[in-house]
Amino acid sequence: MVNDKPGIIADVTVALASEGINIRAIVQKPGFPQHALPFVMTVEPCKSSALKRALECLSGKDYLIAPPLDLQMLE
C-alpha cells in the first residue's frame, strides 16, 4: 500500500494537459486515513475520448487504490 506522496496532483494534471483538458476545481475531503486520501477533480467541458485517454495514462500508478471514476456532468 502506498501512502499519499507529493506529486500526485501534478501527475494527474500532466495527463489531463497532454489531452488539452483544463481543470475547473480540485477538492479533497479531510478525515480519511493517510493511505487513502480521495479527491474530486472537475474539468472544463471536453471530449469524453480525450478524458478516457488521460485516465488510461494514469492506470497502474502506485498511488491509485481504486480506478478513477469518470462521471459525466450535464450543464
PDB file of N, CA and C in Angstrom:
ATOM      1  N   MET A   1       0.849  -1.181   0.000  1.00  0.00           N
ATOM      2  CA  MET A   1       0.000   0.000   0.000  1.00  0.00           C
ATOM      3  C   MET A   1       0.890   1.238   0.000  1.00  0.00           C
ATOM      4  N   VAL A   2       0.632   2.153  -0.880  1.00  0.00           N
ATOM      5  CA  VAL A   2       1.440   3.361  -0.997  1.00  0.00           C
ATOM      6  C   VAL A   2       0.730   4.507  -0.296  1.00  0.00           C
ATOM      7  N   ASN A   3       1.474   5.232   0.516  1.00  0.00           N
ATOM      8  CA  ASN A   3       0.921   6.402   1.196  1.00  0.00           C
ATOM      9  C   ASN A   3       0.812   7.575   0.232  1.00  0.00           C
ATOM     10  N   ASP A   4       0.041   8.544   0.652  1.00  0.00           N
ATOM     11  CA  ASP A   4      -0.035   9.794  -0.087  1.00  0.00           C
ATOM     12  C   ASP A   4       1.391  10.323  -0.234  1.00  0.00           C
ATOM     13  N   LYS A   5       1.662  10.956  -1.359  1.00  0.00           N
ATOM     14  CA  LYS A   5       3.004  11.478  -1.581  1.00  0.00           C
ATOM     15  C   LYS A   5       2.928  12.726  -2.438  1.00  0.00           C
ATOM     16  N   PRO A   6       3.932  13.570  -2.376  1.00  0.00           N
ATOM     17  CA  PRO A   6       3.945  14.761  -3.219  1.00  0.00           C
ATOM     18  C   PRO A   6       3.970  14.381  -4.693  1.00  0.00           C
ATOM     19  N   GLY A   7       3.289  15.164  -5.498  1.00  0.00           N
ATOM     20  CA  GLY A   7       3.344  14.996  -6.938  1.00  0.00           C
ATOM     21  C   GLY A   7       2.172  14.285  -7.575  1.00  0.00           C
ATOM     22  N   ILE A   8       1.246  13.774  -6.780  1.00  0.00           N
ATOM     23  CA  ILE A   8       0.113  13.059  -7.368  1.00  0.00           C
ATOM     24  C   ILE A   8      -0.741  14.002  -8.220  1.00  0.00           C
ATOM     25  N   ILE A   9      -1.095  15.151  -7.668  1.00  0.00           N
ATOM     26  CA  ILE A   9      -1.900  16.116  -8.424  1.00  0.00           C
ATOM     27  C   ILE A   9      -1.138  16.568  -9.669  1.00  0.00           C
ATOM     28  N   ALA A  10       0.166  16.777  -9.538  1.00  0.00           N
ATOM     29  CA  ALA A  10       0.974  17.174 -10.697  1.00  0.00           C
ATOM     30  C   ALA A  10       0.923  16.101 -11.780  1.00  0.00           C
ATOM     31  N   ASP A  11       1.011  14.856 -11.387  1.00  0.00           N
ATOM     32  CA  ASP A  11       0.962  13.746 -12.337  1.00  0.00           C
ATOM     33  C   ASP A  11      -0.380  13.721 -13.072  1.00  0.00           C
ATOM     34  N   VAL A  12      -1.451  13.907 -12.331  1.00  0.00           N
ATOM     35  CA  VAL A  12      -2.791  13.915 -12.936  1.00  0.00           C
ATOM     36  C   VAL A  12      -2.943  15.106 -13.882  1.00  0.00           C
ATOM     37  N   THR A  13      -2.457  16.262 -13.474  1.00  0.00           N
ATOM     38  CA  THR A  13      -2.600  17.442 -14.329  1.00  0.00           C
ATOM     39  C   THR A  13      -1.793  17.308 -15.621  1.00  0.00           C
ATOM     40  N   VAL A  14      -0.644  16.651 -15.564  1.00  0.00           N
ATOM     41  CA  VAL A  14       0.134  16.411 -16.786  1.00  0.00           C
ATOM     42  C   VAL A  14      -0.656  15.515 -17.749  1.00  0.00           C
ATOM     43  N   ALA A  15      -1.281  14.470 -17.222  1.00  0.00           N
ATOM     44  CA  ALA A  15      -2.082  13.577 -18.064  1.00  0.00           C
ATOM     45  C   ALA A  15      -3.240  14.340 -18.701  1.00  0.00           C
ATOM     46  N   LEU A  16      -3.890  15.198 -17.935  1.00  0.00           N
ATOM     47  CA  LEU A  16      -5.001  15.986 -18.476  1.00  0.00           C
ATOM     48  C   LEU A  16      -4.497  16.994 -19.507  1.00  0.00           C
ATOM     49  N   ALA A  17      -3.421  17.690 -19.187  1.00  0.00           N
ATOM     50  CA  ALA A  17      -2.884  18.700 -20.095  1.00  0.00           C
ATOM     51  C   ALA A  17      -2.438  18.092 -21.416  1.00  0.00           C
ATOM     52  N   SER A  18      -1.930  16.865 -21.373  1.00  0.00           N
ATOM     53  CA  SER A  18      -1.480  16.222 -22.607  1.00  0.00           C
ATOM     54  C   SER A  18      -2.639  15.989 -23.574  1.00  0.00           C
ATOM     55  N   GLU A  19      -3.858  16.002 -23.048  1.00  0.00           N
ATOM     56  CA  GLU A  19      -5.056  15.846 -23.877  1.00  0.00           C
ATOM     57  C   GLU A  19      -5.798  17.167 -24.071  1.00  0.00           C
ATOM     58  N   GLY A  20      -5.185  18.263 -23.613  1.00  0.00           N
ATOM     59  CA  GLY A  20      -5.799  19.577 -23.780  1.00  0.00           C
ATOM     60  C   GLY A  20      -6.989  19.820 -22.872  1.00  0.00           C
ATOM     61  N   ILE A  21      -6.989  19.176 -21.706  1.00  0.00           N
ATOM     62  CA  ILE A  21      -8.124  19.283 -20.774  1.00  0.00           C
ATOM     63  C   ILE A  21      -7.757  20.234 -19.640  1.00  0.00           C
ATOM     64  N   ASN A  22      -8.623  21.221 -19.393  1.00  0.00           N
ATOM     65  CA  ASN A  22      -8.417  22.190 -18.313  1.00  0.00           C
ATOM     66  C   ASN A  22      -9.154  21.755 -17.053  1.00  0.00           C
ATOM     67  N   ILE A  23      -8.533  22.006 -15.923  1.00  0.00           N
ATOM     68  CA  ILE A  23      -9.137  21.694 -14.626  1.00  0.00           C
ATOM     69  C   ILE A  23     -10.021  22.851 -14.190  1.00  0.00           C
ATOM     70  N   ARG A  24     -11.182  22.512 -13.643  1.00  0.00           N
ATOM     71  CA  ARG A  24     -12.085  23.525 -13.097  1.00  0.00           C
ATOM     72  C   ARG A  24     -11.908  23.631 -11.584  1.00  0.00           C
ATOM     73  N   ALA A  25     -11.822  22.490 -10.883  1.00  0.00           N
ATOM     74  CA  ALA A  25     -11.694  22.524  -9.423  1.00  0.00           C
ATOM     75  C   ALA A  25     -11.132  21.206  -8.911  1.00  0.00           C
ATOM     76  N   ILE A  26     -10.481  21.282  -7.746  1.00  0.00           N
ATOM     77  CA  ILE A  26      -9.984  20.093  -7.045  1.00  0.00           C
ATOM     78  C   ILE A  26     -10.399  20.227  -5.581  1.00  0.00           C
ATOM     79  N   VAL A  27     -10.990  19.167  -5.041  1.00  0.00           N
ATOM     80  CA  VAL A  27     -11.432  19.166  -3.644  1.00  0.00           C
ATOM     81  C   VAL A  27     -10.957  17.875  -2.989  1.00  0.00           C
ATOM     82  N   GLN A  28     -10.405  17.997  -1.777  1.00  0.00           N
ATOM     83  CA  GLN A  28     -10.031  16.812  -1.011  1.00  0.00           C
ATOM     84  C   GLN A  28     -10.669  16.926   0.368  1.00  0.00           C
ATOM     85  N   LYS A  29     -11.483  15.942   0.695  1.00  0.00           N
ATOM     86  CA  LYS A  29     -12.178  15.950   1.972  1.00  0.00           C
ATOM     87  C   LYS A  29     -11.263  15.411   3.066  1.00  0.00           C
ATOM     88  N   PRO A  30     -11.119  16.150   4.163  1.00  0.00           N
ATOM     89  CA  PRO A  30     -10.269  15.673   5.257  1.00  0.00           C
ATOM     90  C   PRO A  30     -10.940  14.539   6.027  1.00  0.00           C
ATOM     91  N   GLY A  31     -10.152  13.871   6.830  1.00  0.00           N
ATOM     92  CA  GLY A  31     -10.702  12.854   7.718  1.00  0.00           C
ATOM     93  C   GLY A  31     -10.503  11.428   7.242  1.00  0.00           C
ATOM     94  N   PHE A  32      -9.801  11.228   6.144  1.00  0.00           N
ATOM     95  CA  PHE A  32      -9.523   9.888   5.658  1.00  0.00           C
ATOM     96  C   PHE A  32      -8.113   9.476   6.083  1.00  0.00           C
ATOM     97  N   PRO A  33      -7.846   8.172   6.169  1.00  0.00           N
ATOM     98  CA  PRO A  33      -6.505   7.733   6.552  1.00  0.00           C
ATOM     99  C   PRO A  33      -5.464   8.173   5.517  1.00  0.00           C
ATOM    100  N   GLN A  34      -4.229   8.338   5.962  1.00  0.00           N
ATOM    101  CA  GLN A  34      -3.145   8.818   5.108  1.00  0.00           C
ATOM    102  C   GLN A  34      -2.958   7.966   3.844  1.00  0.00           C
ATOM    103  N   HIS A  35      -3.247   6.684   3.928  1.00  0.00           N
ATOM    104  CA  HIS A  35      -3.043   5.810   2.769  1.00  0.00           C
ATOM    105  C   HIS A  35      -4.232   5.812   1.805  1.00  0.00           C
ATOM    106  N   ALA A  36      -5.275   6.570   2.119  1.00  0.00           N
ATOM    107  CA  ALA A  36      -6.469   6.569   1.257  1.00  0.00           C
ATOM    108  C   ALA A  36      -7.114   7.950   1.238  1.00  0.00           C
ATOM    109  N   LEU A  37      -6.391   8.921   0.708  1.00  0.00           N
ATOM    110  CA  LEU A  37      -6.897  10.291   0.664  1.00  0.00           C
ATOM    111  C   LEU A  37      -7.559  10.558  -0.694  1.00  0.00           C
ATOM    112  N   PRO A  38      -8.885  10.464  -0.745  1.00  0.00           N
ATOM    113  CA  PRO A  38      -9.560  10.678  -2.027  1.00  0.00           C
ATOM    114  C   PRO A  38      -9.689  12.163  -2.354  1.00  0.00           C
ATOM    115  N   PHE A  39      -9.766  12.452  -3.638  1.00  0.00           N
ATOM    116  CA  PHE A  39     -10.067  13.818  -4.053  1.00  0.00           C
ATOM    117  C   PHE A  39     -10.964  13.776  -5.279  1.00  0.00           C
ATOM    118  N   VAL A  40     -11.656  14.886  -5.481  1.00  0.00           N
ATOM    119  CA  VAL A  40     -12.546  15.041  -6.632  1.00  0.00           C
ATOM    120  C   VAL A  40     -11.977  16.158  -7.489  1.00  0.00           C
ATOM    121  N   MET A  41     -11.879  15.892  -8.770  1.00  0.00           N
ATOM    122  CA  MET A  41     -11.387  16.892  -9.705  1.00  0.00           C
ATOM    123  C   MET A  41     -12.445  17.061 -10.787  1.00  0.00           C
ATOM    124  N   THR A  42     -12.866  18.287 -10.996  1.00  0.00           N
ATOM    125  CA  THR A  42     -13.780  18.557 -12.104  1.00  0.00           C
ATOM    126  C   THR A  42     -12.982  19.258 -13.196  1.00  0.00           C
ATOM    127  N   VAL A  43     -13.363  18.989 -14.427  1.00  0.00           N
ATOM    128  CA  VAL A  43     -12.658  19.570 -15.567  1.00  0.00           C
ATOM    129  C   VAL A  43     -13.627  20.367 -16.412  1.00  0.00           C
ATOM    130  N   GLU A  44     -13.066  21.244 -17.223  1.00  0.00           N
ATOM    131  CA  GLU A  44     -13.875  22.006 -18.168  1.00  0.00           C
ATOM    132  C   GLU A  44     -14.446  21.030 -19.203  1.00  0.00           C
ATOM    133  N   PRO A  45     -15.529  21.403 -19.876  1.00  0.00           N
ATOM    134  CA  PRO A  45     -16.087  20.514 -20.892  1.00  0.00           C
ATOM    135  C   PRO A  45     -15.004  20.078 -21.895  1.00  0.00           C
ATOM    136  N   CYS A  46     -15.022  18.786 -22.195  1.00  0.00           N
ATOM    137  CA  CYS A  46     -14.022  18.215 -23.108  1.00  0.00           C
ATOM    138  C   CYS A  46     -14.619  16.972 -23.757  1.00  0.00           C
ATOM    139  N   LYS A  47     -13.919  16.466 -24.748  1.00  0.00           N
ATOM    140  CA  LYS A  47     -14.371  15.236 -25.388  1.00  0.00           C
ATOM    141  C   LYS A  47     -14.158  14.071 -24.426  1.00  0.00           C
ATOM    142  N   SER A  48     -15.150  13.211 -24.341  1.00  0.00           N
ATOM    143  CA  SER A  48     -15.026  12.059 -23.438  1.00  0.00           C
ATOM    144  C   SER A  48     -13.877  11.155 -23.864  1.00  0.00           C
ATOM    145  N   SER A  49     -13.580  11.097 -25.160  1.00  0.00           N
ATOM    146  CA  SER A  49     -12.465  10.270 -25.629  1.00  0.00           C
ATOM    147  C   SER A  49     -11.127  10.821 -25.124  1.00  0.00           C
ATOM    148  N   ALA A  50     -10.994  12.137 -25.041  1.00  0.00           N
ATOM    149  CA  ALA A  50      -9.766  12.746 -24.528  1.00  0.00           C
ATOM    150  C   ALA A  50      -9.610  12.447 -23.040  1.00  0.00           C
ATOM    151  N   LEU A  51     -10.703  12.547 -22.291  1.00  0.00           N
ATOM    152  CA  LEU A  51     -10.640  12.249 -20.861  1.00  0.00           C
ATOM    153  C   LEU A  51     -10.307  10.779 -20.635  1.00  0.00           C
ATOM    154  N   LYS A  52     -10.883   9.923 -21.445  1.00  0.00           N
ATOM    155  CA  LYS A  52     -10.591   8.493 -21.325  1.00  0.00           C
ATOM    156  C   LYS A  52      -9.103   8.225 -21.558  1.00  0.00           C
ATOM    157  N   ARG A  53      -8.516   8.857 -22.557  1.00  0.00           N
ATOM    158  CA  ARG A  53      -7.082   8.672 -22.817  1.00  0.00           C
ATOM    159  C   ARG A  53      -6.242   9.181 -21.655  1.00  0.00           C
ATOM    160  N   ALA A  54      -6.619  10.326 -21.084  1.00  0.00           N
ATOM    161  CA  ALA A  54      -5.878  10.870 -19.941  1.00  0.00           C
ATOM    162  C   ALA A  54      -5.942   9.915 -18.754  1.00  0.00           C
ATOM    163  N   LEU A  55      -7.116   9.368 -18.495  1.00  0.00           N
ATOM    164  CA  LEU A  55      -7.262   8.437 -17.367  1.00  0.00           C
ATOM    165  C   LEU A  55      -6.508   7.134 -17.626  1.00  0.00           C
ATOM    166  N   GLU A  56      -6.456   6.704 -18.875  1.00  0.00           N
ATOM    167  CA  GLU A  56      -5.695   5.499 -19.206  1.00  0.00           C
ATOM    168  C   GLU A  56      -4.204   5.695 -18.928  1.00  0.00           C
ATOM    169  N   CYS A  57      -3.712   6.913 -19.098  1.00  0.00           N
ATOM    170  CA  CYS A  57      -2.302   7.209 -18.805  1.00  0.00           C
ATOM    171  C   CYS A  57      -1.996   7.031 -17.320  1.00  0.00           C
ATOM    172  N   LEU A  58      -3.012   7.150 -16.499  1.00  0.00           N
ATOM    173  CA  LEU A  58      -2.820   7.047 -15.048  1.00  0.00           C
ATOM    174  C   LEU A  58      -2.997   5.622 -14.533  1.00  0.00           C
ATOM    175  N   SER A  59      -3.538   4.744 -15.348  1.00  0.00           N
ATOM    176  CA  SER A  59      -3.787   3.384 -14.875  1.00  0.00           C
ATOM    177  C   SER A  59      -2.467   2.719 -14.481  1.00  0.00           C
ATOM    178  N   GLY A  60      -2.507   1.993 -13.401  1.00  0.00           N
ATOM    179  CA  GLY A  60      -1.319   1.300 -12.923  1.00  0.00           C
ATOM    180  C   GLY A  60      -0.418   2.127 -12.033  1.00  0.00           C
ATOM    181  N   LYS A  61      -0.747   3.386 -11.803  1.00  0.00           N
ATOM    182  CA  LYS A  61       0.081   4.212 -10.920  1.00  0.00           C
ATOM    183  C   LYS A  61      -0.004   3.666  -9.494  1.00  0.00           C
ATOM    184  N   ASP A  62       1.107   3.715  -8.784  1.00  0.00           N
ATOM    185  CA  ASP A  62       1.149   3.123  -7.450  1.00  0.00           C
ATOM    186  C   ASP A  62       0.339   3.874  -6.403  1.00  0.00           C
ATOM    187  N   TYR A  63      -0.088   5.078  -6.697  1.00  0.00           N
ATOM    188  CA  TYR A  63      -0.877   5.841  -5.731  1.00  0.00           C
ATOM    189  C   TYR A  63      -2.378   5.593  -5.866  1.00  0.00           C
ATOM    190  N   LEU A  64      -2.813   4.895  -6.886  1.00  0.00           N
ATOM    191  CA  LEU A  64      -4.239   4.609  -7.056  1.00  0.00           C
ATOM    192  C   LEU A  64      -4.637   3.381  -6.250  1.00  0.00           C
ATOM    193  N   ILE A  65      -5.644   3.539  -5.402  1.00  0.00           N
ATOM    194  CA  ILE A  65      -6.173   2.372  -4.688  1.00  0.00           C
ATOM    195  C   ILE A  65      -7.489   1.913  -5.316  1.00  0.00           C
ATOM    196  N   ALA A  66      -8.018   2.735  -6.214  1.00  0.00           N
ATOM    197  CA  ALA A  66      -9.224   2.400  -6.981  1.00  0.00           C
ATOM    198  C   ALA A  66      -9.122   3.138  -8.315  1.00  0.00           C
ATOM    199  N   PRO A  67      -9.722   2.600  -9.354  1.00  0.00           N
ATOM    200  CA  PRO A  67      -9.679   3.303 -10.647  1.00  0.00           C
ATOM    201  C   PRO A  67     -10.411   4.642 -10.554  1.00  0.00           C
ATOM    202  N   PRO A  68      -9.946   5.642 -11.298  1.00  0.00           N
ATOM    203  CA  PRO A  68     -10.651   6.928 -11.303  1.00  0.00           C
ATOM    204  C   PRO A  68     -12.067   6.757 -11.858  1.00  0.00           C
ATOM    205  N   LEU A  69     -12.985   7.522 -11.330  1.00  0.00           N
ATOM    206  CA  LEU A  69     -14.371   7.487 -11.782  1.00  0.00           C
ATOM    207  C   LEU A  69     -14.589   8.642 -12.750  1.00  0.00           C
ATOM    208  N   ASP A  70     -15.017   8.325 -13.942  1.00  0.00           N
ATOM    209  CA  ASP A  70     -15.325   9.315 -14.963  1.00  0.00           C
ATOM    210  C   ASP A  70     -16.840   9.498 -14.940  1.00  0.00           C
ATOM    211  N   LEU A  71     -17.290  10.562 -14.330  1.00  0.00           N
ATOM    212  CA  LEU A  71     -18.719  10.822 -14.167  1.00  0.00           C
ATOM    213  C   LEU A  71     -19.085  12.068 -14.964  1.00  0.00           C
ATOM    214  N   GLN A  72     -19.828  11.874 -16.043  1.00  0.00           N
ATOM    215  CA  GLN A  72     -20.197  13.000 -16.881  1.00  0.00           C
ATOM    216  C   GLN A  72     -21.244  13.866 -16.191  1.00  0.00           C
ATOM    217  N   MET A  73     -21.011  15.161 -16.213  1.00  0.00           N
ATOM    218  CA  MET A  73     -21.955  16.125 -15.621  1.00  0.00           C
ATOM    219  C   MET A  73     -22.649  16.857 -16.753  1.00  0.00           C
ATOM    220  N   LEU A  74     -23.929  17.013 -16.656  1.00  0.00           N
ATOM    221  CA  LEU A  74     -24.678  17.760 -17.647  1.00  0.00           C
ATOM    222  C   LEU A  74     -24.905  19.170 -17.132  1.00  0.00           C
ATOM    223  N   GLU A  75     -24.676  20.134 -18.006  1.00  0.00           N
ATOM    224  CA  GLU A  75     -24.855  21.535 -17.590  1.00  0.00           C
ATOM    225  C   GLU A  75     -26.140  22.079 -18.153  1.00  0.00           C
TER     226      GLU A  75
END
